[in-house]
Amino acid sequence: MSSVQHLATAGICVYLCLAVRLAAAPASLEEEKAPAYWNERARRTLESALNLAPVTRRAKNIILFLGDGMGISTISAARIYKGQLAGGPGEDSQLAMETFPYVALAKTYNVDRQVPDSAGTGTAYLCGVKANAKTLGVSAAAVYGKCNTTWGNEVYSVLHRAKQSGKSVGIVTTTRVQHASPGASYAHVVNREWYSDADLPKEAIRQGCKDIAYQLVHNTDINVILGGGRMYMTPRRTPDPEYPTDPKQSGTRKDGLDLVERWLSGKEGARYVWDKKGLDAVDENSTDYLLEDKDYRQQAAVPLDTETHAGEDVAIMAKGPMAHLFHGVQEQNYVAHVLAYAGGLEPYHTGPATVPLDTETHAGEDVAIMAKGPMAHLFHGVQEQNYVAHVLAYAGGLEPYHTGPECLAPSCRAGSPAPPPVLLLRARGLASLLLTARL
């Protein structure tokens, strides 16, 4: 059976928190007036908590849903909006990830910044070490923009370690695949904006640094890559297949490399598609590698079947790398936006920005981790963000928790190997995995 059919441990995806299963019908206002309603509701929750037992065996598969900017305020807003779409007041609604039994908070700061960026946080939750802002896959000993500080300071993601252990791995994102959030899973670069060689300064080229798109193809043997970023993969002025008349979408590479062709030529059973028609035509039985470069922005989402996937084989975790500025606004009796992102602008929205900026800004608050499945109980309390990668590695039996004295699980100490990974991730399900992961 192909790798596309059986995507493995550490499949890293992006998932919109609005992808939810419907909760029970909301109570009426009259019901909520009675103390008995609230007492009964709390009793059922208490019974559920008393029956909760951690799953302590190793996970065959790990799914990380990462919502860039998914802070507590955004989660609350999504919950209310989902409930209102269903015809209720919204406050008592429930998102799918809010049914996950284990919750923790992650401190998101970078080593050199109190308010982080997606690169430093991506390195933390994927590679297991805190890093400097705007750097990917390198420790804090690497200096932003200084190419020659890269070597010797590389750190490796749980996705890379999963592949090294024989698993199949994948990335699904609604932004460019060279973006900081997915980029931390395979790249080692001291500037998150070195998307193609055209973005590298001359000094970095002389010193031998490679751009993120180049590293995507050459660093880690990733089975499934779905997202945007075609222009960074093809030579300068190569027309884009979807937007052939728009020069802004043309290829940017100065080295003349066609990284898509290079990726295809080095793999058996590899397919490259760039639209839905091509994706629908993929034969999963004969496809071991799949690359799709299409920028999926705010697609319609559908629920993840967590009941099917999160028994004793799959560890599922949803979290945000950091929050974006999002808060309630109400002053006296004036008409106001109830919820407002406090900075940036949206090209399709004409409402006012509290602080007009080119892009949205980050917040420095803690973000939630919600988990279920094997070893999910290890997410608890308030933790450093790099702890996430260690739990993922431990749950999946990956380095440094695979063998030897550093392996802590009783099953590992007894020498029992982790079972082979079996997680079906259908590539054509990309429309169900959504959250725009832009800064």
Foldseek 3Di string as FASTA:
>chain_A
DACQQFAWAAAEEAFDQLFFDWDPDDDDPVLVVDPVNVVVVVVVVVVVVVPDDAQAAFAGYEYEHAFAQDFPQNSQVSQQVSQVVVPDRRNPIDTHLNPFDFKEWAQQAAPPGLFADLQQLLLQQFQLAGAHHQWAQFHNQAAAPDLVSQPPGGTAGPQQLCVVVPGAYYYFALAFCLANNNLNHFDGGRGSPQQAVLPRDPVNVVVPDGGSLVRVQPTGLHAEYHAADQQRQADQPAADPVGRPDNVSHHDYPVGHRSVVVSVVVDAQEDEDADLVRLVPDDRVSHRHYHYHYNHAPFDAHHDPCVVAADAHYKYKYKYSFHFQKAADDDDPDDDPRIARQEEDDPVDDDDHVHYDPHTDTDRDIMMMRIGYHQSNVRDYYYHSSVNRVSSCLSNLGPPQPADPNNDRPCRPVVNHDDHRGDGDRPSNSSNRDHHNDD
